[in-house]
Amino acid sequence: MKKVIAFAGSNSSTSINYELVQYTVTLIDNFDIQLLNMANMPFPMFSEDLEKEEGYKNSLIELKEDIVESEGVIISVNEHNGNPSAYFKNLIDWLSRVDRKFLNEKQVFLMGTSGGGRGAIGSITVTQNMLPRFGAVVDHVFSLPSFNDNFSKEECAITNEELKAQHKELLEDFLSKL
């Protein structure tokens, strides 16, 4: 069975991007899904000195291996001041030090959401431009604006029918490429 790894770029225990990822994986059948909650995966701030002194954490090596072994990756990036969070950028920095091409030819379904009307588009754009440097193929991008208006936490579902249909279509096309 083909494997998909899914996570949010946030380490917040109340991440709305994690909620979007959780919803997304409920729509997937016939794949081995590995859903990661990054709130449970702390990584120190990257520095070359720390890398030389301590090397790589086992959890980082395992995450890299899980990504390499998957056919596809679903990521929902959060946004801080128009950019990906420091946590997500730090995670990418660490992963790229373990293996520069950790996303080699990997299909990525890139998403993002925020409470505002732009739907994390700044963070999505930065990430969409960054990930191909590490080998990713980012052909599927989805933005969910105004999370609290367009998503039901109780139902764990997108409530705006147009956005729901767009998300589903992108997800189905992403899965068909794996």
N, C-alpha and C. Protein backbone atom coordinates (compact mmCIF):
# COMPACT_ATOMS: atom_id res chain seq x y z
N MET A 1 0.85 -1.18 0.00
CA MET A 1 0.00 0.00 0.00
C MET A 1 0.89 1.24 0.00
N LYS A 2 0.51 2.23 -0.80
CA LYS A 2 1.27 3.47 -0.88
C LYS A 2 1.11 4.27 0.40
N LYS A 3 2.20 4.95 0.76
CA LYS A 3 2.24 5.68 2.02
C LYS A 3 2.22 7.19 1.79
N VAL A 4 1.42 7.88 2.60
CA VAL A 4 1.37 9.33 2.61
C VAL A 4 1.66 9.79 4.03
N ILE A 5 2.56 10.75 4.17
CA ILE A 5 2.85 11.35 5.47
C ILE A 5 2.21 12.74 5.48
N ALA A 6 1.59 13.10 6.60
CA ALA A 6 0.85 14.36 6.69
C ALA A 6 1.13 15.05 8.00
N PHE A 7 1.35 16.37 7.94
CA PHE A 7 1.59 17.14 9.15
C PHE A 7 1.38 18.62 8.87
N ALA A 8 1.25 19.39 9.94
CA ALA A 8 1.17 20.84 9.85
C ALA A 8 2.55 21.42 10.14
N GLY A 9 2.78 22.59 9.63
CA GLY A 9 4.06 23.26 9.88
C GLY A 9 4.10 23.97 11.22
N SER A 10 3.15 23.69 12.06
CA SER A 10 3.01 24.35 13.35
C SER A 10 3.27 23.37 14.49
N ASN A 11 3.88 23.88 15.54
CA ASN A 11 4.07 23.07 16.74
C ASN A 11 3.11 23.49 17.85
N SER A 12 2.06 24.20 17.49
CA SER A 12 1.06 24.64 18.47
C SER A 12 0.11 23.50 18.79
N SER A 13 -0.24 23.36 20.06
CA SER A 13 -1.19 22.32 20.46
C SER A 13 -2.61 22.66 20.00
N THR A 14 -2.85 23.89 19.57
CA THR A 14 -4.17 24.31 19.10
C THR A 14 -4.13 24.73 17.63
N SER A 15 -3.27 24.13 16.86
CA SER A 15 -3.05 24.52 15.46
C SER A 15 -4.27 24.27 14.58
N ILE A 16 -4.73 25.32 13.92
CA ILE A 16 -5.82 25.16 12.96
C ILE A 16 -5.30 24.49 11.69
N ASN A 17 -4.03 24.62 11.42
CA ASN A 17 -3.46 23.93 10.26
C ASN A 17 -3.42 22.42 10.50
N TYR A 18 -3.18 22.01 11.74
CA TYR A 18 -3.25 20.59 12.06
C TYR A 18 -4.68 20.08 11.89
N GLU A 19 -5.67 20.90 12.26
CA GLU A 19 -7.06 20.51 12.07
C GLU A 19 -7.37 20.32 10.59
N LEU A 20 -6.82 21.19 9.74
CA LEU A 20 -7.02 21.05 8.30
C LEU A 20 -6.38 19.76 7.78
N VAL A 21 -5.20 19.42 8.29
CA VAL A 21 -4.54 18.18 7.90
C VAL A 21 -5.35 16.97 8.37
N GLN A 22 -5.83 17.02 9.61
CA GLN A 22 -6.66 15.93 10.13
C GLN A 22 -7.88 15.70 9.24
N TYR A 23 -8.54 16.77 8.86
CA TYR A 23 -9.69 16.67 7.97
C TYR A 23 -9.28 16.05 6.64
N THR A 24 -8.19 16.51 6.09
CA THR A 24 -7.74 16.04 4.78
C THR A 24 -7.49 14.54 4.77
N VAL A 25 -6.84 14.03 5.79
CA VAL A 25 -6.53 12.59 5.79
C VAL A 25 -7.78 11.73 5.98
N THR A 26 -8.86 12.30 6.54
CA THR A 26 -10.10 11.51 6.67
C THR A 26 -10.72 11.25 5.31
N LEU A 27 -10.33 11.99 4.31
CA LEU A 27 -10.88 11.84 2.96
C LEU A 27 -10.11 10.83 2.12
N ILE A 28 -9.06 10.26 2.68
CA ILE A 28 -8.17 9.38 1.91
C ILE A 28 -8.43 7.92 2.26
N ASP A 29 -8.67 7.13 1.22
CA ASP A 29 -8.85 5.68 1.37
C ASP A 29 -7.73 4.98 0.60
N ASN A 30 -7.46 3.76 0.98
CA ASN A 30 -6.53 2.88 0.26
C ASN A 30 -5.08 3.38 0.23
N PHE A 31 -4.71 4.14 1.22
CA PHE A 31 -3.32 4.58 1.41
C PHE A 31 -2.96 4.35 2.87
N ASP A 32 -1.70 4.09 3.12
CA ASP A 32 -1.19 4.03 4.49
C ASP A 32 -0.90 5.47 4.89
N ILE A 33 -1.65 6.01 5.83
CA ILE A 33 -1.52 7.41 6.24
C ILE A 33 -0.74 7.50 7.55
N GLN A 34 0.27 8.33 7.56
CA GLN A 34 1.01 8.62 8.79
C GLN A 34 0.76 10.09 9.12
N LEU A 35 -0.09 10.33 10.10
CA LEU A 35 -0.44 11.69 10.53
C LEU A 35 0.43 12.05 11.73
N LEU A 36 1.20 13.12 11.59
CA LEU A 36 2.10 13.55 12.66
C LEU A 36 1.61 14.84 13.29
N ASN A 37 1.61 14.89 14.60
CA ASN A 37 1.31 16.11 15.33
C ASN A 37 2.64 16.71 15.77
N MET A 38 3.05 17.77 15.10
CA MET A 38 4.37 18.36 15.35
C MET A 38 4.48 19.01 16.72
N ALA A 39 3.37 19.19 17.42
CA ALA A 39 3.43 19.69 18.80
C ALA A 39 4.17 18.70 19.69
N ASN A 40 4.25 17.45 19.24
CA ASN A 40 4.95 16.40 19.98
C ASN A 40 6.39 16.21 19.50
N MET A 41 6.86 17.07 18.62
CA MET A 41 8.20 16.90 18.04
C MET A 41 9.02 18.19 18.16
N PRO A 42 9.52 18.47 19.35
CA PRO A 42 10.34 19.67 19.50
C PRO A 42 11.73 19.46 18.91
N PHE A 43 12.22 20.48 18.26
CA PHE A 43 13.59 20.47 17.73
C PHE A 43 14.27 21.75 18.18
N PRO A 44 15.54 21.66 18.59
CA PRO A 44 16.25 22.88 18.98
C PRO A 44 16.46 23.78 17.77
N MET A 45 16.68 25.06 18.02
CA MET A 45 16.95 25.99 16.93
C MET A 45 18.24 25.56 16.23
N PHE A 46 18.17 25.46 14.91
CA PHE A 46 19.33 24.99 14.15
C PHE A 46 20.51 25.95 14.29
N SER A 47 21.67 25.36 14.48
CA SER A 47 22.93 26.10 14.38
C SER A 47 24.01 25.10 13.98
N GLU A 48 24.97 25.56 13.21
CA GLU A 48 26.06 24.68 12.80
C GLU A 48 26.84 24.19 14.01
N ASP A 49 26.98 25.03 15.02
CA ASP A 49 27.69 24.61 16.23
C ASP A 49 26.98 23.45 16.91
N LEU A 50 25.66 23.57 17.06
CA LEU A 50 24.88 22.51 17.68
C LEU A 50 24.93 21.23 16.83
N GLU A 51 24.87 21.40 15.53
CA GLU A 51 24.96 20.25 14.62
C GLU A 51 26.29 19.51 14.81
N LYS A 52 27.39 20.24 14.92
CA LYS A 52 28.70 19.63 15.12
C LYS A 52 28.83 18.97 16.49
N GLU A 53 28.30 19.63 17.51
CA GLU A 53 28.43 19.15 18.89
C GLU A 53 27.55 17.94 19.19
N GLU A 54 26.30 17.99 18.70
CA GLU A 54 25.32 16.97 19.10
C GLU A 54 24.81 16.10 17.96
N GLY A 55 25.05 16.50 16.72
CA GLY A 55 24.56 15.71 15.60
C GLY A 55 23.05 15.85 15.45
N TYR A 56 22.42 14.77 15.00
CA TYR A 56 20.99 14.80 14.70
C TYR A 56 20.21 13.94 15.68
N LYS A 57 19.07 14.47 16.13
CA LYS A 57 18.19 13.72 17.03
C LYS A 57 17.60 12.51 16.29
N ASN A 58 17.38 11.44 17.01
CA ASN A 58 16.77 10.26 16.41
C ASN A 58 15.42 10.58 15.78
N SER A 59 14.65 11.43 16.42
CA SER A 59 13.33 11.78 15.88
C SER A 59 13.45 12.49 14.53
N LEU A 60 14.50 13.26 14.34
CA LEU A 60 14.74 13.94 13.07
C LEU A 60 15.10 12.92 11.98
N ILE A 61 15.98 11.99 12.31
CA ILE A 61 16.37 10.94 11.36
C ILE A 61 15.15 10.11 10.99
N GLU A 62 14.33 9.76 11.98
CA GLU A 62 13.13 8.96 11.72
C GLU A 62 12.14 9.73 10.84
N LEU A 63 11.97 11.02 11.09
CA LEU A 63 11.08 11.83 10.26
C LEU A 63 11.59 11.88 8.83
N LYS A 64 12.87 12.10 8.66
CA LYS A 64 13.44 12.12 7.31
C LYS A 64 13.21 10.80 6.61
N GLU A 65 13.43 9.68 7.30
CA GLU A 65 13.23 8.35 6.71
C GLU A 65 11.76 8.14 6.36
N ASP A 66 10.85 8.58 7.22
CA ASP A 66 9.42 8.46 6.93
C ASP A 66 9.05 9.24 5.67
N ILE A 67 9.61 10.41 5.51
CA ILE A 67 9.35 11.21 4.32
C ILE A 67 9.90 10.50 3.08
N VAL A 68 11.13 10.02 3.17
CA VAL A 68 11.77 9.34 2.04
C VAL A 68 10.97 8.10 1.63
N GLU A 69 10.45 7.37 2.61
CA GLU A 69 9.73 6.12 2.34
C GLU A 69 8.30 6.35 1.84
N SER A 70 7.80 7.57 1.94
CA SER A 70 6.43 7.85 1.51
C SER A 70 6.40 8.17 0.01
N GLU A 71 5.22 7.99 -0.57
CA GLU A 71 5.03 8.38 -1.97
C GLU A 71 4.63 9.86 -2.07
N GLY A 72 4.02 10.37 -1.02
CA GLY A 72 3.57 11.75 -1.04
C GLY A 72 3.54 12.36 0.34
N VAL A 73 3.53 13.70 0.37
CA VAL A 73 3.56 14.44 1.62
C VAL A 73 2.45 15.50 1.58
N ILE A 74 1.68 15.57 2.65
CA ILE A 74 0.68 16.61 2.81
C ILE A 74 1.16 17.52 3.94
N ILE A 75 1.27 18.81 3.63
CA ILE A 75 1.74 19.78 4.62
C ILE A 75 0.78 20.97 4.61
N SER A 76 0.38 21.41 5.80
CA SER A 76 -0.39 22.63 5.93
C SER A 76 0.45 23.61 6.75
N VAL A 77 0.88 24.68 6.09
CA VAL A 77 1.78 25.63 6.74
C VAL A 77 1.00 26.77 7.39
N ASN A 78 1.42 27.10 8.59
CA ASN A 78 0.84 28.24 9.28
C ASN A 78 1.62 29.49 8.89
N GLU A 79 1.10 30.63 9.30
CA GLU A 79 1.72 31.89 8.88
C GLU A 79 1.95 32.79 10.09
N HIS A 80 3.16 33.30 10.16
CA HIS A 80 3.54 34.31 11.16
C HIS A 80 4.10 35.50 10.40
N ASN A 81 3.42 36.61 10.45
CA ASN A 81 3.87 37.83 9.78
C ASN A 81 4.15 37.63 8.30
N GLY A 82 3.28 36.88 7.63
CA GLY A 82 3.39 36.69 6.19
C GLY A 82 4.36 35.61 5.75
N ASN A 83 4.95 34.90 6.69
CA ASN A 83 5.94 33.87 6.38
C ASN A 83 5.63 32.59 7.15
N PRO A 84 6.28 31.49 6.74
CA PRO A 84 6.13 30.26 7.53
C PRO A 84 6.65 30.50 8.95
N SER A 85 6.13 29.75 9.88
CA SER A 85 6.56 29.89 11.27
C SER A 85 8.04 29.56 11.42
N ALA A 86 8.65 30.09 12.47
CA ALA A 86 10.05 29.78 12.77
C ALA A 86 10.22 28.28 12.99
N TYR A 87 9.21 27.65 13.59
CA TYR A 87 9.29 26.20 13.82
C TYR A 87 9.41 25.46 12.49
N PHE A 88 8.55 25.79 11.52
CA PHE A 88 8.58 25.08 10.24
C PHE A 88 9.89 25.33 9.50
N LYS A 89 10.34 26.57 9.48
CA LYS A 89 11.62 26.89 8.81
C LYS A 89 12.76 26.13 9.49
N ASN A 90 12.74 26.06 10.80
CA ASN A 90 13.76 25.33 11.55
C ASN A 90 13.72 23.83 11.20
N LEU A 91 12.53 23.28 11.10
CA LEU A 91 12.38 21.87 10.74
C LEU A 91 12.98 21.61 9.36
N ILE A 92 12.69 22.48 8.41
CA ILE A 92 13.24 22.33 7.06
C ILE A 92 14.77 22.47 7.09
N ASP A 93 15.28 23.41 7.88
CA ASP A 93 16.74 23.56 8.01
C ASP A 93 17.38 22.27 8.51
N TRP A 94 16.82 21.68 9.55
CA TRP A 94 17.37 20.43 10.09
C TRP A 94 17.27 19.29 9.07
N LEU A 95 16.11 19.12 8.47
CA LEU A 95 15.93 18.03 7.51
C LEU A 95 16.88 18.16 6.33
N SER A 96 17.08 19.38 5.86
CA SER A 96 17.97 19.58 4.71
C SER A 96 19.43 19.35 5.05
N ARG A 97 19.78 19.42 6.31
CA ARG A 97 21.16 19.12 6.73
C ARG A 97 21.40 17.61 6.80
N VAL A 98 20.35 16.88 7.14
CA VAL A 98 20.47 15.42 7.18
C VAL A 98 20.57 14.89 5.76
N ASP A 99 19.75 15.45 4.85
CA ASP A 99 19.73 15.01 3.45
C ASP A 99 19.19 16.17 2.62
N ARG A 100 20.05 16.80 1.85
CA ARG A 100 19.67 17.98 1.06
C ARG A 100 18.45 17.71 0.18
N LYS A 101 18.33 16.52 -0.35
CA LYS A 101 17.22 16.17 -1.24
C LYS A 101 16.22 15.25 -0.53
N PHE A 102 15.88 15.57 0.71
CA PHE A 102 14.98 14.72 1.50
C PHE A 102 13.58 14.62 0.88
N LEU A 103 13.25 15.50 -0.04
CA LEU A 103 11.97 15.47 -0.74
C LEU A 103 12.13 15.07 -2.21
N ASN A 104 13.19 14.37 -2.53
CA ASN A 104 13.54 14.04 -3.91
C ASN A 104 12.37 13.45 -4.70
N GLU A 105 11.88 14.23 -5.66
CA GLU A 105 10.79 13.84 -6.56
C GLU A 105 9.51 13.46 -5.80
N LYS A 106 9.35 13.98 -4.60
CA LYS A 106 8.19 13.68 -3.77
C LYS A 106 7.06 14.64 -4.12
N GLN A 107 5.88 14.08 -4.39
CA GLN A 107 4.69 14.89 -4.60
C GLN A 107 4.28 15.50 -3.26
N VAL A 108 4.02 16.81 -3.25
CA VAL A 108 3.60 17.50 -2.03
C VAL A 108 2.28 18.21 -2.29
N PHE A 109 1.30 17.94 -1.42
CA PHE A 109 0.06 18.70 -1.41
C PHE A 109 0.24 19.75 -0.34
N LEU A 110 0.42 21.00 -0.76
CA LEU A 110 0.71 22.10 0.15
C LEU A 110 -0.56 22.88 0.43
N MET A 111 -0.85 23.04 1.70
CA MET A 111 -2.04 23.77 2.13
C MET A 111 -1.65 24.80 3.19
N GLY A 112 -2.60 25.64 3.49
CA GLY A 112 -2.44 26.57 4.59
C GLY A 112 -3.77 27.20 4.92
N THR A 113 -3.92 27.58 6.16
CA THR A 113 -5.12 28.30 6.58
C THR A 113 -4.75 29.33 7.64
N SER A 114 -5.62 30.28 7.80
CA SER A 114 -5.45 31.29 8.85
C SER A 114 -6.82 31.85 9.19
N GLY A 115 -6.86 32.63 10.24
CA GLY A 115 -8.11 33.25 10.64
C GLY A 115 -8.52 34.38 9.72
N GLY A 116 -7.57 34.89 8.95
CA GLY A 116 -7.84 36.02 8.07
C GLY A 116 -8.22 35.62 6.66
N GLY A 117 -8.60 36.60 5.90
CA GLY A 117 -9.09 36.39 4.55
C GLY A 117 -8.05 35.97 3.53
N ARG A 118 -6.77 36.12 3.87
CA ARG A 118 -5.73 35.72 2.91
C ARG A 118 -5.39 34.23 3.01
N GLY A 119 -5.81 33.56 4.05
CA GLY A 119 -5.64 32.11 4.15
C GLY A 119 -4.21 31.62 4.10
N ALA A 120 -3.30 32.33 4.77
CA ALA A 120 -1.89 31.94 4.86
C ALA A 120 -1.18 31.97 3.51
N ILE A 121 -1.67 32.77 2.58
CA ILE A 121 -1.11 32.77 1.23
C ILE A 121 0.36 33.22 1.20
N GLY A 122 0.75 34.10 2.10
CA GLY A 122 2.16 34.51 2.16
C GLY A 122 3.05 33.33 2.52
N SER A 123 2.67 32.59 3.53
CA SER A 123 3.42 31.41 3.96
C SER A 123 3.41 30.33 2.89
N ILE A 124 2.26 30.12 2.28
CA ILE A 124 2.15 29.12 1.22
C ILE A 124 3.10 29.46 0.07
N THR A 125 3.11 30.72 -0.34
CA THR A 125 3.96 31.14 -1.46
C THR A 125 5.43 30.94 -1.14
N VAL A 126 5.86 31.34 0.05
CA VAL A 126 7.27 31.14 0.44
C VAL A 126 7.61 29.66 0.43
N THR A 127 6.74 28.84 0.99
CA THR A 127 6.99 27.40 1.07
C THR A 127 6.96 26.76 -0.31
N GLN A 128 6.04 27.19 -1.15
CA GLN A 128 5.95 26.65 -2.51
C GLN A 128 7.23 26.94 -3.30
N ASN A 129 7.85 28.06 -3.04
CA ASN A 129 9.12 28.40 -3.70
C ASN A 129 10.31 27.71 -3.06
N MET A 130 10.22 27.39 -1.78
CA MET A 130 11.34 26.80 -1.04
C MET A 130 11.47 25.29 -1.24
N LEU A 131 10.37 24.56 -1.17
CA LEU A 131 10.43 23.09 -1.16
C LEU A 131 11.07 22.46 -2.39
N PRO A 132 10.89 23.01 -3.60
CA PRO A 132 11.56 22.40 -4.76
C PRO A 132 13.09 22.38 -4.64
N ARG A 133 13.67 23.26 -3.84
CA ARG A 133 15.13 23.23 -3.62
C ARG A 133 15.57 21.91 -3.00
N PHE A 134 14.63 21.24 -2.34
CA PHE A 134 14.94 19.98 -1.67
C PHE A 134 14.36 18.79 -2.42
N GLY A 135 13.94 19.05 -3.68
CA GLY A 135 13.49 17.99 -4.56
C GLY A 135 11.98 17.82 -4.68
N ALA A 136 11.19 18.60 -3.96
CA ALA A 136 9.74 18.44 -3.95
C ALA A 136 9.11 18.85 -5.28
N VAL A 137 7.99 18.18 -5.59
CA VAL A 137 7.13 18.55 -6.71
C VAL A 137 5.86 19.11 -6.08
N VAL A 138 5.68 20.42 -6.18
CA VAL A 138 4.55 21.09 -5.53
C VAL A 138 3.56 21.57 -6.60
N ASP A 139 2.71 20.65 -7.05
CA ASP A 139 1.74 20.96 -8.09
C ASP A 139 0.34 21.20 -7.53
N HIS A 140 0.14 20.91 -6.26
CA HIS A 140 -1.19 21.00 -5.66
C HIS A 140 -1.13 21.92 -4.44
N VAL A 141 -1.82 23.05 -4.54
CA VAL A 141 -1.78 24.07 -3.50
C VAL A 141 -3.20 24.50 -3.16
N PHE A 142 -3.49 24.55 -1.86
CA PHE A 142 -4.82 24.94 -1.40
C PHE A 142 -4.72 25.91 -0.23
N SER A 143 -5.50 26.98 -0.30
CA SER A 143 -5.57 27.98 0.77
C SER A 143 -6.99 28.03 1.29
N LEU A 144 -7.13 27.91 2.61
CA LEU A 144 -8.44 28.04 3.26
C LEU A 144 -8.46 29.36 4.03
N PRO A 145 -9.11 30.38 3.47
CA PRO A 145 -9.19 31.66 4.18
C PRO A 145 -10.21 31.62 5.31
N SER A 146 -10.10 32.55 6.22
CA SER A 146 -11.10 32.74 7.28
C SER A 146 -11.52 31.42 7.90
N PHE A 147 -10.56 30.74 8.50
CA PHE A 147 -10.77 29.40 9.05
C PHE A 147 -12.05 29.29 9.87
N ASN A 148 -12.26 30.21 10.78
CA ASN A 148 -13.42 30.12 11.68
C ASN A 148 -14.76 30.27 10.96
N ASP A 149 -14.76 30.87 9.79
CA ASP A 149 -15.99 31.01 9.00
C ASP A 149 -16.19 29.85 8.03
N ASN A 150 -15.11 29.17 7.66
CA ASN A 150 -15.17 28.17 6.59
C ASN A 150 -14.86 26.74 7.04
N PHE A 151 -14.71 26.54 8.35
CA PHE A 151 -14.38 25.22 8.88
C PHE A 151 -15.13 25.00 10.18
N SER A 152 -15.71 23.82 10.32
CA SER A 152 -16.40 23.47 11.56
C SER A 152 -15.49 22.55 12.38
N LYS A 153 -15.11 23.02 13.55
CA LYS A 153 -14.30 22.18 14.44
C LYS A 153 -15.11 20.99 14.95
N GLU A 154 -16.39 21.19 15.18
CA GLU A 154 -17.25 20.12 15.67
C GLU A 154 -17.36 18.98 14.65
N GLU A 155 -17.52 19.34 13.39
CA GLU A 155 -17.65 18.35 12.32
C GLU A 155 -16.32 17.95 11.73
N CYS A 156 -15.26 18.70 12.06
CA CYS A 156 -13.93 18.53 11.46
C CYS A 156 -14.07 18.48 9.94
N ALA A 157 -14.59 19.58 9.39
CA ALA A 157 -14.84 19.63 7.96
C ALA A 157 -14.89 21.07 7.45
N ILE A 158 -14.51 21.24 6.19
CA ILE A 158 -14.69 22.51 5.51
C ILE A 158 -16.19 22.69 5.27
N THR A 159 -16.72 23.86 5.62
CA THR A 159 -18.16 24.10 5.50
C THR A 159 -18.53 24.88 4.24
N ASN A 160 -17.61 25.65 3.71
CA ASN A 160 -17.87 26.40 2.48
C ASN A 160 -17.83 25.40 1.31
N GLU A 161 -18.95 25.23 0.64
CA GLU A 161 -19.08 24.19 -0.39
C GLU A 161 -18.10 24.39 -1.56
N GLU A 162 -17.89 25.61 -1.96
CA GLU A 162 -16.96 25.89 -3.07
C GLU A 162 -15.53 25.53 -2.68
N LEU A 163 -15.12 25.93 -1.48
CA LEU A 163 -13.77 25.61 -1.01
C LEU A 163 -13.61 24.11 -0.76
N LYS A 164 -14.67 23.49 -0.26
CA LYS A 164 -14.67 22.06 -0.01
C LYS A 164 -14.46 21.28 -1.32
N ALA A 165 -15.16 21.70 -2.36
CA ALA A 165 -15.04 21.05 -3.66
C ALA A 165 -13.64 21.27 -4.26
N GLN A 166 -13.11 22.47 -4.10
CA GLN A 166 -11.76 22.77 -4.61
C GLN A 166 -10.73 21.91 -3.88
N HIS A 167 -10.84 21.82 -2.57
CA HIS A 167 -9.93 21.01 -1.77
C HIS A 167 -9.99 19.54 -2.20
N LYS A 168 -11.20 19.03 -2.35
CA LYS A 168 -11.39 17.62 -2.73
C LYS A 168 -10.79 17.34 -4.10
N GLU A 169 -11.02 18.23 -5.04
CA GLU A 169 -10.49 18.05 -6.40
C GLU A 169 -8.96 18.03 -6.39
N LEU A 170 -8.36 18.96 -5.66
CA LEU A 170 -6.90 19.01 -5.57
C LEU A 170 -6.35 17.75 -4.88
N LEU A 171 -7.00 17.33 -3.82
CA LEU A 171 -6.56 16.13 -3.11
C LEU A 171 -6.64 14.90 -4.01
N GLU A 172 -7.74 14.74 -4.71
CA GLU A 172 -7.90 13.59 -5.60
C GLU A 172 -6.85 13.59 -6.70
N ASP A 173 -6.56 14.76 -7.26
CA ASP A 173 -5.52 14.81 -8.30
C ASP A 173 -4.15 14.51 -7.72
N PHE A 174 -3.86 15.03 -6.52
CA PHE A 174 -2.61 14.74 -5.84
C PHE A 174 -2.45 13.23 -5.65
N LEU A 175 -3.48 12.58 -5.13
CA LEU A 175 -3.43 11.14 -4.87
C LEU A 175 -3.27 10.33 -6.16
N SER A 176 -3.84 10.82 -7.23
CA SER A 176 -3.74 10.10 -8.51
C SER A 176 -2.32 10.14 -9.07
N LYS A 177 -1.52 11.08 -8.64
CA LYS A 177 -0.13 11.21 -9.12
C LYS A 177 0.85 10.36 -8.32
N LEU A 178 0.39 9.73 -7.24
CA LEU A 178 1.28 8.94 -6.39
C LEU A 178 1.45 7.53 -6.93
